[in-house]
Amino acid sequence: MLATFLIGLREGLEAALVVGILVAYLRRLGRQEALPKLWAGVGLAIVLALGIGAILTFGAYELTFTAQELIGGGLSLLAVAMVTWMIFWMQRAGRTMKATLEGGVDRALTAGGLWALVAIGFVSVAREGIETTLLLWSMVQSFGDAPTAILGALLGLATAVVVGWLISRGAVTLDLRRFFAWTGGFLVIVAAGVLAYAFMDLQEAGALPGPFTDAAPIDPVTGGVAIGWAAFPFGWAFDVSASIAPGGPLAAILQATVGFMPAMTWLQVVAWALYITLVGSFYIRGLRSRRAPKPQPAAD
């Protein structure tokens, strides 16, 4: 619940701030009559995100196990790609987001069409909605406890709406730069865990070599799939299921936060470590570059 709560809070607050900027700008221009068009676009985006979630949740029941694993792995990879792109987009475009959004509203009002403002509201929220849906669906597939995960996400979204409204009213002051910096780092870790789970899905489907295929190295003593260094690269990296029960609370917390599973393959471990190292280093570098003071122009 904690992991999905934080995801719902971050993504929901991001969307709430975007909508708040658009609403405040229209009111400042004295164009309150355009607000229903904007809210219509926001509503369509929410319906789209819910529809995608329903299709992913209920549509998979009619598929074979292999097809479910292939689709699950592919959508998890898509979720990781979208989250990674959004993390760096927010880091790069956060400073100019307000001006960009207001410019889009100006162009929509100048065009004068109904669909122009509807499209502004739709696009502004749909991106966050689809990303959140895919990420939450991948996480639910990974640790299985759907009711708790969905409850955490709904609580996070509800909190984001309340906090966004309080910020717009001036009742709450929040250091958004620090908030998005810390939650962005958390999302990097979550995305690494979703990536590892995607590799497990694809290995179970036979799309990637692993313990479930003929490429698995066999332990000559036990006759089972090898574990440890002898199992590199297509066997199990470790298996601590005897110490950490796969369905227990500790395993659920570790899997939801850092992507740890009691039994992980070498491809999963390598993918997780490479993602954390590469994406994490670029993310930290981006944070440091934003904090670095800009050089002052030399006086004549």
C-alpha atoms as a PDB file:
ATOM      1  CA  MET A   1       0.000   0.000   0.000  1.00  0.00           C
ATOM      2  CA  LEU A   2       2.859   2.414   0.800  1.00  0.00           C
ATOM      3  CA  ALA A   3       4.463   2.027  -2.626  1.00  0.00           C
ATOM      4  CA  THR A   4       1.222   2.512  -4.573  1.00  0.00           C
ATOM      5  CA  PHE A   5       0.198   5.362  -2.238  1.00  0.00           C
ATOM      6  CA  LEU A   6       3.402   7.255  -3.047  1.00  0.00           C
ATOM      7  CA  ILE A   7       2.946   6.623  -6.775  1.00  0.00           C
ATOM      8  CA  GLY A   8      -0.667   7.803  -6.650  1.00  0.00           C
ATOM      9  CA  LEU A   9       0.369  10.855  -4.607  1.00  0.00           C
ATOM     10  CA  ARG A  10       3.185  11.901  -6.948  1.00  0.00           C
ATOM     11  CA  GLU A  11       1.385  11.297 -10.233  1.00  0.00           C
ATOM     12  CA  GLY A  12      -1.892  12.676  -8.901  1.00  0.00           C
ATOM     13  CA  LEU A  13      -0.250  15.828  -7.558  1.00  0.00           C
ATOM     14  CA  GLU A  14       1.541  16.321 -10.871  1.00  0.00           C
ATOM     15  CA  ALA A  15      -1.786  16.135 -12.728  1.00  0.00           C
ATOM     16  CA  ALA A  16      -3.530  18.302 -10.110  1.00  0.00           C
ATOM     17  CA  LEU A  17      -0.897  21.021 -10.475  1.00  0.00           C
ATOM     18  CA  VAL A  18      -1.234  20.962 -14.269  1.00  0.00           C
ATOM     19  CA  VAL A  19      -5.021  21.279 -14.080  1.00  0.00           C
ATOM     20  CA  GLY A  20      -4.691  23.959 -11.391  1.00  0.00           C
ATOM     21  CA  ILE A  21      -2.415  26.043 -13.620  1.00  0.00           C
ATOM     22  CA  LEU A  22      -4.879  25.782 -16.520  1.00  0.00           C
ATOM     23  CA  VAL A  23      -7.924  26.649 -14.372  1.00  0.00           C
ATOM     24  CA  ALA A  24      -6.185  29.591 -12.684  1.00  0.00           C
ATOM     25  CA  TYR A  25      -5.047  30.994 -16.041  1.00  0.00           C
ATOM     26  CA  LEU A  26      -8.536  30.811 -17.553  1.00  0.00           C
ATOM     27  CA  ARG A  27      -9.978  32.574 -14.508  1.00  0.00           C
ATOM     28  CA  ARG A  28      -7.287  35.251 -14.679  1.00  0.00           C
ATOM     29  CA  LEU A  29      -8.254  35.859 -18.306  1.00  0.00           C
ATOM     30  CA  GLY A  30     -11.914  36.112 -17.321  1.00  0.00           C
ATOM     31  CA  ARG A  31     -12.841  33.112 -19.478  1.00  0.00           C
ATOM     32  CA  GLN A  32     -14.805  31.074 -16.962  1.00  0.00           C
ATOM     33  CA  GLU A  33     -17.166  29.971 -19.734  1.00  0.00           C
ATOM     34  CA  ALA A  34     -14.298  27.882 -21.148  1.00  0.00           C
ATOM     35  CA  LEU A  35     -13.843  25.879 -17.925  1.00  0.00           C
ATOM     36  CA  PRO A  36     -16.484  23.213 -18.762  1.00  0.00           C
ATOM     37  CA  LYS A  37     -14.578  22.408 -21.979  1.00  0.00           C
ATOM     38  CA  LEU A  38     -11.362  22.017 -20.010  1.00  0.00           C
ATOM     39  CA  TRP A  39     -13.057  19.782 -17.408  1.00  0.00           C
ATOM     40  CA  ALA A  40     -14.588  17.715 -20.209  1.00  0.00           C
ATOM     41  CA  GLY A  41     -11.090  16.958 -21.505  1.00  0.00           C
ATOM     42  CA  VAL A  42      -9.916  16.072 -17.986  1.00  0.00           C
ATOM     43  CA  GLY A  43     -12.907  13.759 -17.551  1.00  0.00           C
ATOM     44  CA  LEU A  44     -12.222  12.003 -20.861  1.00  0.00           C
ATOM     45  CA  ALA A  45      -8.617  11.427 -19.796  1.00  0.00           C
ATOM     46  CA  ILE A  46      -9.746   9.848 -16.505  1.00  0.00           C
ATOM     47  CA  VAL A  47     -12.211   7.616 -18.365  1.00  0.00           C
ATOM     48  CA  LEU A  48      -9.439   6.533 -20.741  1.00  0.00           C
ATOM     49  CA  ALA A  49      -7.104   5.610 -17.864  1.00  0.00           C
ATOM     50  CA  LEU A  50      -9.873   3.648 -16.090  1.00  0.00           C
ATOM     51  CA  GLY A  51     -10.795   1.915 -19.345  1.00  0.00           C
ATOM     52  CA  ILE A  52      -7.213   0.828 -19.954  1.00  0.00           C
ATOM     53  CA  GLY A  53      -7.007  -0.479 -16.386  1.00  0.00           C
ATOM     54  CA  ALA A  54     -10.246  -2.459 -16.815  1.00  0.00           C
ATOM     55  CA  ILE A  55      -9.090  -3.972 -20.120  1.00  0.00           C
ATOM     56  CA  LEU A  56      -5.756  -5.000 -18.636  1.00  0.00           C
ATOM     57  CA  THR A  57      -7.395  -6.446 -15.524  1.00  0.00           C
ATOM     58  CA  PHE A  58     -10.328  -8.361 -17.015  1.00  0.00           C
ATOM     59  CA  GLY A  59      -9.158  -8.986 -20.562  1.00  0.00           C
ATOM     60  CA  ALA A  60      -6.255 -11.206 -19.498  1.00  0.00           C
ATOM     61  CA  TYR A  61      -8.530 -13.908 -18.081  1.00  0.00           C
ATOM     62  CA  GLU A  62      -9.377 -15.221 -21.552  1.00  0.00           C
ATOM     63  CA  LEU A  63      -5.716 -15.661 -22.563  1.00  0.00           C
ATOM     64  CA  THR A  64      -3.395 -18.621 -22.185  1.00  0.00           C
ATOM     65  CA  PHE A  65      -0.676 -18.514 -19.532  1.00  0.00           C
ATOM     66  CA  THR A  66       2.038 -17.848 -22.128  1.00  0.00           C
ATOM     67  CA  ALA A  67       0.038 -15.030 -23.708  1.00  0.00           C
ATOM     68  CA  GLN A  68      -0.616 -13.473 -20.294  1.00  0.00           C
ATOM     69  CA  GLU A  69       3.079 -13.557 -19.448  1.00  0.00           C
ATOM     70  CA  LEU A  70       4.073 -12.088 -22.825  1.00  0.00           C
ATOM     71  CA  ILE A  71       1.537  -9.271 -22.561  1.00  0.00           C
ATOM     72  CA  GLY A  72       2.405  -8.664 -18.921  1.00  0.00           C
ATOM     73  CA  GLY A  73       6.120  -8.479 -19.676  1.00  0.00           C
ATOM     74  CA  GLY A  74       5.605  -6.214 -22.676  1.00  0.00           C
ATOM     75  CA  LEU A  75       3.313  -3.817 -20.805  1.00  0.00           C
ATOM     76  CA  SER A  76       5.710  -3.727 -17.870  1.00  0.00           C
ATOM     77  CA  LEU A  77       8.499  -2.720 -20.243  1.00  0.00           C
ATOM     78  CA  LEU A  78       6.204  -0.031 -21.668  1.00  0.00           C
ATOM     79  CA  ALA A  79       5.450   1.208 -18.147  1.00  0.00           C
ATOM     80  CA  VAL A  80       9.175   1.415 -17.355  1.00  0.00           C
ATOM     81  CA  ALA A  81       9.812   3.351 -20.574  1.00  0.00           C
ATOM     82  CA  MET A  82       6.992   5.822 -19.849  1.00  0.00           C
ATOM     83  CA  VAL A  83       8.008   6.336 -16.227  1.00  0.00           C
ATOM     84  CA  THR A  84      11.644   6.878 -17.194  1.00  0.00           C
ATOM     85  CA  TRP A  85      10.670   9.404 -19.863  1.00  0.00           C
ATOM     86  CA  MET A  86       8.316  11.247 -17.489  1.00  0.00           C
ATOM     87  CA  ILE A  87      10.933  11.434 -14.723  1.00  0.00           C
ATOM     88  CA  PHE A  88      13.436  13.167 -16.984  1.00  0.00           C
ATOM     89  CA  TRP A  89      10.758  15.244 -18.738  1.00  0.00           C
ATOM     90  CA  MET A  90       9.581  16.611 -15.389  1.00  0.00           C
ATOM     91  CA  GLN A  91      13.167  17.267 -14.353  1.00  0.00           C
ATOM     92  CA  ARG A  92      13.865  19.167 -17.572  1.00  0.00           C
ATOM     93  CA  ALA A  93      10.553  20.927 -18.242  1.00  0.00           C
ATOM     94  CA  GLY A  94       9.384  21.633 -14.689  1.00  0.00           C
ATOM     95  CA  ARG A  95      10.626  25.226 -14.692  1.00  0.00           C
ATOM     96  CA  THR A  96       8.897  26.171 -17.945  1.00  0.00           C
ATOM     97  CA  MET A  97       5.766  24.027 -17.534  1.00  0.00           C
ATOM     98  CA  LYS A  98       3.551  26.921 -16.454  1.00  0.00           C
ATOM     99  CA  ALA A  99       4.510  29.089 -19.433  1.00  0.00           C
ATOM    100  CA  THR A 100       4.081  26.139 -21.810  1.00  0.00           C
ATOM    101  CA  LEU A 101       0.606  25.333 -20.494  1.00  0.00           C
ATOM    102  CA  GLU A 102      -0.529  28.950 -20.605  1.00  0.00           C
ATOM    103  CA  GLY A 103       0.768  29.256 -24.157  1.00  0.00           C
ATOM    104  CA  GLY A 104      -1.288  26.220 -25.141  1.00  0.00           C
ATOM    105  CA  VAL A 105      -4.413  27.785 -23.618  1.00  0.00           C
ATOM    106  CA  ASP A 106      -3.774  31.038 -25.513  1.00  0.00           C
ATOM    107  CA  ARG A 107      -3.563  29.149 -28.791  1.00  0.00           C
ATOM    108  CA  ALA A 108      -6.712  27.168 -27.987  1.00  0.00           C
ATOM    109  CA  LEU A 109      -8.676  30.324 -27.140  1.00  0.00           C
ATOM    110  CA  THR A 110      -7.428  32.039 -30.286  1.00  0.00           C
ATOM    111  CA  ALA A 111      -8.529  29.083 -32.405  1.00  0.00           C
ATOM    112  CA  GLY A 112     -11.941  29.308 -30.736  1.00  0.00           C
ATOM    113  CA  GLY A 113     -12.893  25.692 -31.340  1.00  0.00           C
ATOM    114  CA  LEU A 114     -14.642  23.486 -28.807  1.00  0.00           C
ATOM    115  CA  TRP A 115     -12.178  20.648 -29.240  1.00  0.00           C
ATOM    116  CA  ALA A 116      -9.098  22.821 -28.755  1.00  0.00           C
ATOM    117  CA  LEU A 117      -9.652  23.320 -25.014  1.00  0.00           C
ATOM    118  CA  VAL A 118     -11.013  19.798 -24.603  1.00  0.00           C
ATOM    119  CA  ALA A 119      -7.760  18.540 -26.144  1.00  0.00           C
ATOM    120  CA  ILE A 120      -5.686  20.700 -23.775  1.00  0.00           C
ATOM    121  CA  GLY A 121      -7.399  19.179 -20.717  1.00  0.00           C
ATOM    122  CA  PHE A 122      -7.297  15.678 -22.174  1.00  0.00           C
ATOM    123  CA  VAL A 123      -3.612  15.662 -23.126  1.00  0.00           C
ATOM    124  CA  SER A 124      -2.542  17.329 -19.864  1.00  0.00           C
ATOM    125  CA  VAL A 125      -4.069  14.544 -17.750  1.00  0.00           C
ATOM    126  CA  ALA A 126      -4.081  11.517 -20.080  1.00  0.00           C
ATOM    127  CA  ARG A 127      -0.298  11.256 -20.065  1.00  0.00           C
ATOM    128  CA  GLU A 128      -0.196  10.993 -16.279  1.00  0.00           C
ATOM    129  CA  GLY A 129      -3.238   8.716 -16.199  1.00  0.00           C
ATOM    130  CA  ILE A 130      -1.924   6.171 -18.693  1.00  0.00           C
ATOM    131  CA  GLU A 131       1.516   6.125 -17.074  1.00  0.00           C
ATOM    132  CA  THR A 132       0.011   5.610 -13.612  1.00  0.00           C
ATOM    133  CA  THR A 133      -2.351   2.879 -14.860  1.00  0.00           C
ATOM    134  CA  LEU A 134       0.415   0.883 -16.524  1.00  0.00           C
ATOM    135  CA  LEU A 135       2.782   1.239 -13.570  1.00  0.00           C
ATOM    136  CA  LEU A 136       0.157   0.258 -10.993  1.00  0.00           C
ATOM    137  CA  TRP A 137      -1.036  -2.667 -13.100  1.00  0.00           C
ATOM    138  CA  SER A 138       2.534  -3.946 -13.427  1.00  0.00           C
ATOM    139  CA  MET A 139       3.077  -3.631  -9.685  1.00  0.00           C
ATOM    140  CA  VAL A 140      -0.184  -5.429  -8.879  1.00  0.00           C
ATOM    141  CA  GLN A 141       0.813  -8.261 -11.215  1.00  0.00           C
ATOM    142  CA  SER A 142       4.167  -8.428  -9.501  1.00  0.00           C
ATOM    143  CA  PHE A 143       3.051  -8.809  -5.868  1.00  0.00           C
ATOM    144  CA  GLY A 144      -0.508  -9.997  -6.407  1.00  0.00           C
ATOM    145  CA  ASP A 145      -2.391  -8.211  -3.596  1.00  0.00           C
ATOM    146  CA  ALA A 146      -4.667  -6.165  -5.856  1.00  0.00           C
ATOM    147  CA  PRO A 147      -7.162  -4.783  -3.250  1.00  0.00           C
ATOM    148  CA  THR A 148      -4.452  -3.392  -0.979  1.00  0.00           C
ATOM    149  CA  ALA A 149      -2.452  -1.974  -3.889  1.00  0.00           C
ATOM    150  CA  ILE A 150      -5.501  -0.292  -5.432  1.00  0.00           C
ATOM    151  CA  LEU A 151      -6.562   1.098  -2.040  1.00  0.00           C
ATOM    152  CA  GLY A 152      -3.103   2.621  -1.579  1.00  0.00           C
ATOM    153  CA  ALA A 153      -3.221   4.197  -5.045  1.00  0.00           C
ATOM    154  CA  LEU A 154      -6.726   5.617  -4.472  1.00  0.00           C
ATOM    155  CA  LEU A 155      -5.667   7.095  -1.134  1.00  0.00           C
ATOM    156  CA  GLY A 156      -2.624   8.639  -2.806  1.00  0.00           C
ATOM    157  CA  LEU A 157      -4.734  10.141  -5.606  1.00  0.00           C
ATOM    158  CA  ALA A 158      -7.297  11.479  -3.132  1.00  0.00           C
ATOM    159  CA  THR A 159      -4.536  13.038  -1.033  1.00  0.00           C
ATOM    160  CA  ALA A 160      -3.035  14.572  -4.187  1.00  0.00           C
ATOM    161  CA  VAL A 161      -6.366  16.181  -5.118  1.00  0.00           C
ATOM    162  CA  VAL A 162      -6.758  17.666  -1.627  1.00  0.00           C
ATOM    163  CA  VAL A 163      -3.144  18.913  -1.490  1.00  0.00           C
ATOM    164  CA  GLY A 164      -3.405  20.360  -5.010  1.00  0.00           C
ATOM    165  CA  TRP A 165      -6.590  22.209  -4.076  1.00  0.00           C
ATOM    166  CA  LEU A 166      -5.011  23.555  -0.867  1.00  0.00           C
ATOM    167  CA  ILE A 167      -1.946  24.730  -2.794  1.00  0.00           C
ATOM    168  CA  SER A 168      -4.122  26.514  -5.357  1.00  0.00           C
ATOM    169  CA  ARG A 169      -5.950  28.256  -2.495  1.00  0.00           C
ATOM    170  CA  GLY A 170      -2.709  29.264  -0.805  1.00  0.00           C
ATOM    171  CA  ALA A 171      -3.596  27.281   2.327  1.00  0.00           C
ATOM    172  CA  VAL A 172      -0.562  24.994   2.049  1.00  0.00           C
ATOM    173  CA  THR A 173       3.023  25.681   1.041  1.00  0.00           C
ATOM    174  CA  LEU A 174       4.960  22.759  -0.413  1.00  0.00           C
ATOM    175  CA  ASP A 175       8.522  22.701  -1.707  1.00  0.00           C
ATOM    176  CA  LEU A 176       7.568  21.130  -5.040  1.00  0.00           C
ATOM    177  CA  ARG A 177      11.146  20.986  -6.303  1.00  0.00           C
ATOM    178  CA  ARG A 178      12.233  18.887  -3.329  1.00  0.00           C
ATOM    179  CA  PHE A 179       9.036  16.805  -3.396  1.00  0.00           C
ATOM    180  CA  PHE A 180       9.442  15.839  -7.052  1.00  0.00           C
ATOM    181  CA  ALA A 181      13.180  15.280  -6.592  1.00  0.00           C
ATOM    182  CA  TRP A 182      12.672  12.725  -3.796  1.00  0.00           C
ATOM    183  CA  THR A 183       9.656  11.013  -5.366  1.00  0.00           C
ATOM    184  CA  GLY A 184      11.460  10.934  -8.719  1.00  0.00           C
ATOM    185  CA  GLY A 185      14.284   9.001  -7.069  1.00  0.00           C
ATOM    186  CA  PHE A 186      11.730   6.631  -5.536  1.00  0.00           C
ATOM    187  CA  LEU A 187      10.183   6.084  -8.976  1.00  0.00           C
ATOM    188  CA  VAL A 188      13.606   5.154 -10.381  1.00  0.00           C
ATOM    189  CA  ILE A 189      13.821   2.348  -7.796  1.00  0.00           C
ATOM    190  CA  VAL A 190      10.209   1.257  -8.413  1.00  0.00           C
ATOM    191  CA  ALA A 191      10.764   1.226 -12.183  1.00  0.00           C
ATOM    192  CA  ALA A 192      13.836  -0.966 -11.707  1.00  0.00           C
ATOM    193  CA  GLY A 193      11.688  -3.460  -9.804  1.00  0.00           C
ATOM    194  CA  VAL A 194       9.015  -3.413 -12.527  1.00  0.00           C
ATOM    195  CA  LEU A 195      11.752  -4.003 -15.112  1.00  0.00           C
ATOM    196  CA  ALA A 196      12.990  -7.031 -13.170  1.00  0.00           C
ATOM    197  CA  TYR A 197       9.436  -8.372 -12.987  1.00  0.00           C
ATOM    198  CA  ALA A 198       9.046  -7.857 -16.762  1.00  0.00           C
ATOM    199  CA  PHE A 199      12.134 -10.001 -17.343  1.00  0.00           C
ATOM    200  CA  MET A 200      10.641 -12.716 -15.126  1.00  0.00           C
ATOM    201  CA  ASP A 201       7.398 -12.655 -17.145  1.00  0.00           C
ATOM    202  CA  LEU A 202       9.274 -12.924 -20.438  1.00  0.00           C
ATOM    203  CA  GLN A 203      11.433 -15.744 -19.090  1.00  0.00           C
ATOM    204  CA  GLU A 204       8.373 -17.658 -17.899  1.00  0.00           C
ATOM    205  CA  ALA A 205       6.820 -17.226 -21.355  1.00  0.00           C
ATOM    206  CA  GLY A 206       9.998 -18.546 -22.983  1.00  0.00           C
ATOM    207  CA  ALA A 207      10.677 -15.277 -24.822  1.00  0.00           C
ATOM    208  CA  LEU A 208      13.962 -14.910 -22.912  1.00  0.00           C
ATOM    209  CA  PRO A 209      16.292 -17.725 -21.805  1.00  0.00           C
ATOM    210  CA  GLY A 210      16.055 -18.561 -18.139  1.00  0.00           C
ATOM    211  CA  PRO A 211      15.334 -21.235 -15.519  1.00  0.00           C
ATOM    212  CA  PHE A 212      12.128 -22.215 -17.320  1.00  0.00           C
ATOM    213  CA  THR A 213      13.773 -22.990 -20.672  1.00  0.00           C
ATOM    214  CA  ASP A 214      16.289 -25.488 -22.019  1.00  0.00           C
ATOM    215  CA  ALA A 215      19.014 -22.861 -21.555  1.00  0.00           C
ATOM    216  CA  ALA A 216      18.852 -23.276 -17.770  1.00  0.00           C
ATOM    217  CA  PRO A 217      22.074 -24.642 -16.223  1.00  0.00           C
ATOM    218  CA  ILE A 218      21.509 -27.803 -14.177  1.00  0.00           C
ATOM    219  CA  ASP A 219      23.039 -28.480 -10.777  1.00  0.00           C
ATOM    220  CA  PRO A 220      24.694 -31.934 -11.073  1.00  0.00           C
ATOM    221  CA  VAL A 221      24.107 -32.651  -7.379  1.00  0.00           C
ATOM    222  CA  THR A 222      20.414 -31.791  -7.001  1.00  0.00           C
ATOM    223  CA  GLY A 223      19.364 -32.219 -10.623  1.00  0.00           C
ATOM    224  CA  GLY A 224      17.486 -28.911 -10.428  1.00  0.00           C
ATOM    225  CA  VAL A 225      18.253 -25.541 -11.941  1.00  0.00           C
ATOM    226  CA  ALA A 226      21.543 -24.216 -10.614  1.00  0.00           C
ATOM    227  CA  ILE A 227      21.666 -21.331  -8.123  1.00  0.00           C
ATOM    228  CA  GLY A 228      24.443 -18.774  -7.609  1.00  0.00           C
ATOM    229  CA  TRP A 229      27.524 -17.998  -9.688  1.00  0.00           C
ATOM    230  CA  ALA A 230      27.445 -21.410 -11.321  1.00  0.00           C
ATOM    231  CA  ALA A 231      24.012 -20.535 -12.737  1.00  0.00           C
ATOM    232  CA  PHE A 232      25.137 -17.366 -14.569  1.00  0.00           C
ATOM    233  CA  PRO A 233      23.663 -16.103 -16.893  1.00  0.00           C
ATOM    234  CA  PHE A 234      20.407 -18.053 -17.346  1.00  0.00           C
ATOM    235  CA  GLY A 235      19.846 -19.652 -13.933  1.00  0.00           C
ATOM    236  CA  TRP A 236      18.847 -18.412 -10.500  1.00  0.00           C
ATOM    237  CA  ALA A 237      21.045 -15.708  -8.990  1.00  0.00           C
ATOM    238  CA  PHE A 238      19.761 -16.551  -5.494  1.00  0.00           C
ATOM    239  CA  ASP A 239      16.848 -18.219  -3.751  1.00  0.00           C
ATOM    240  CA  VAL A 240      16.163 -17.225  -0.147  1.00  0.00           C
ATOM    241  CA  SER A 241      12.563 -18.486  -0.111  1.00  0.00           C
ATOM    242  CA  ALA A 242      13.358 -20.604   2.942  1.00  0.00           C
ATOM    243  CA  SER A 243      14.199 -17.455   4.935  1.00  0.00           C
ATOM    244  CA  ILE A 244      11.775 -14.960   3.331  1.00  0.00           C
ATOM    245  CA  ALA A 245       8.413 -16.507   2.465  1.00  0.00           C
ATOM    246  CA  PRO A 246       7.395 -15.378  -1.058  1.00  0.00           C
ATOM    247  CA  GLY A 247       3.841 -14.600   0.094  1.00  0.00           C
ATOM    248  CA  GLY A 248       4.836 -13.043   3.413  1.00  0.00           C
ATOM    249  CA  PRO A 249       4.649  -9.367   4.437  1.00  0.00           C
ATOM    250  CA  LEU A 250       8.419  -8.824   4.325  1.00  0.00           C
ATOM    251  CA  ALA A 251       8.626 -10.122   0.756  1.00  0.00           C
ATOM    252  CA  ALA A 252       5.661  -7.932  -0.247  1.00  0.00           C
ATOM    253  CA  ILE A 253       7.242  -4.795   1.250  1.00  0.00           C
ATOM    254  CA  LEU A 254      10.634  -5.441  -0.355  1.00  0.00           C
ATOM    255  CA  GLN A 255       9.110  -6.257  -3.733  1.00  0.00           C
ATOM    256  CA  ALA A 256       6.834  -3.217  -3.750  1.00  0.00           C
ATOM    257  CA  THR A 257       9.577  -0.777  -2.747  1.00  0.00           C
ATOM    258  CA  VAL A 258      12.897  -1.971  -4.156  1.00  0.00           C
ATOM    259  CA  GLY A 259      11.851  -4.766  -6.532  1.00  0.00           C
ATOM    260  CA  PHE A 260      13.396  -7.551  -4.438  1.00  0.00           C
ATOM    261  CA  MET A 261      11.942 -11.058  -4.810  1.00  0.00           C
ATOM    262  CA  PRO A 262      12.985 -14.061  -2.692  1.00  0.00           C
ATOM    263  CA  ALA A 263      14.063 -15.881  -5.868  1.00  0.00           C
ATOM    264  CA  MET A 264      15.509 -13.891  -8.772  1.00  0.00           C
ATOM    265  CA  THR A 265      17.179 -14.932 -11.987  1.00  0.00           C
ATOM    266  CA  TRP A 266      20.499 -13.571 -13.160  1.00  0.00           C
ATOM    267  CA  LEU A 267      18.838 -11.641 -16.003  1.00  0.00           C
ATOM    268  CA  GLN A 268      16.556  -9.967 -13.475  1.00  0.00           C
ATOM    269  CA  VAL A 269      19.432  -8.991 -11.201  1.00  0.00           C
ATOM    270  CA  VAL A 270      21.538  -7.655 -14.074  1.00  0.00           C
ATOM    271  CA  ALA A 271      18.609  -5.679 -15.522  1.00  0.00           C
ATOM    272  CA  TRP A 272      17.769  -4.207 -12.084  1.00  0.00           C
ATOM    273  CA  ALA A 273      21.380  -3.252 -11.344  1.00  0.00           C
ATOM    274  CA  LEU A 274      21.999  -1.722 -14.784  1.00  0.00           C
ATOM    275  CA  TYR A 275      18.800   0.340 -14.616  1.00  0.00           C
ATOM    276  CA  ILE A 276      19.562   1.652 -11.129  1.00  0.00           C
ATOM    277  CA  THR A 277      23.158   2.466 -12.103  1.00  0.00           C
ATOM    278  CA  LEU A 278      22.487   4.129 -15.456  1.00  0.00           C
ATOM    279  CA  VAL A 279      19.154   5.870 -14.867  1.00  0.00           C
ATOM    280  CA  GLY A 280      19.996   6.715 -11.265  1.00  0.00           C
ATOM    281  CA  SER A 281      23.318   8.320 -12.208  1.00  0.00           C
ATOM    282  CA  PHE A 282      21.702  10.438 -14.956  1.00  0.00           C
ATOM    283  CA  TYR A 283      18.917  11.441 -12.586  1.00  0.00           C
ATOM    284  CA  ILE A 284      21.318  12.532  -9.842  1.00  0.00           C
ATOM    285  CA  ARG A 285      23.428  14.384 -12.409  1.00  0.00           C
ATOM    286  CA  GLY A 286      20.301  16.242 -13.542  1.00  0.00           C
ATOM    287  CA  LEU A 287      19.491  17.241  -9.960  1.00  0.00           C
ATOM    288  CA  ARG A 288      23.013  18.534  -9.397  1.00  0.00           C
ATOM    289  CA  SER A 289      23.001  20.521 -12.627  1.00  0.00           C
ATOM    290  CA  ARG A 290      19.770  22.256 -11.574  1.00  0.00           C
ATOM    291  CA  ARG A 291      21.246  23.195  -8.208  1.00  0.00           C
ATOM    292  CA  ALA A 292      24.491  24.514  -9.657  1.00  0.00           C
ATOM    293  CA  PRO A 293      24.550  28.344  -9.686  1.00  0.00           C
ATOM    294  CA  LYS A 294      24.519  29.952 -13.114  1.00  0.00           C
ATOM    295  CA  PRO A 295      27.702  31.886 -13.968  1.00  0.00           C
ATOM    296  CA  GLN A 296      27.297  35.657 -13.860  1.00  0.00           C
ATOM    297  CA  PRO A 297      28.232  37.640 -16.989  1.00  0.00           C
ATOM    298  CA  ALA A 298      31.522  39.467 -16.675  1.00  0.00           C
ATOM    299  CA  ALA A 299      31.349  43.255 -16.375  1.00  0.00           C
ATOM    300  CA  ASP A 300      32.869  45.361 -19.153  1.00  0.00           C
END
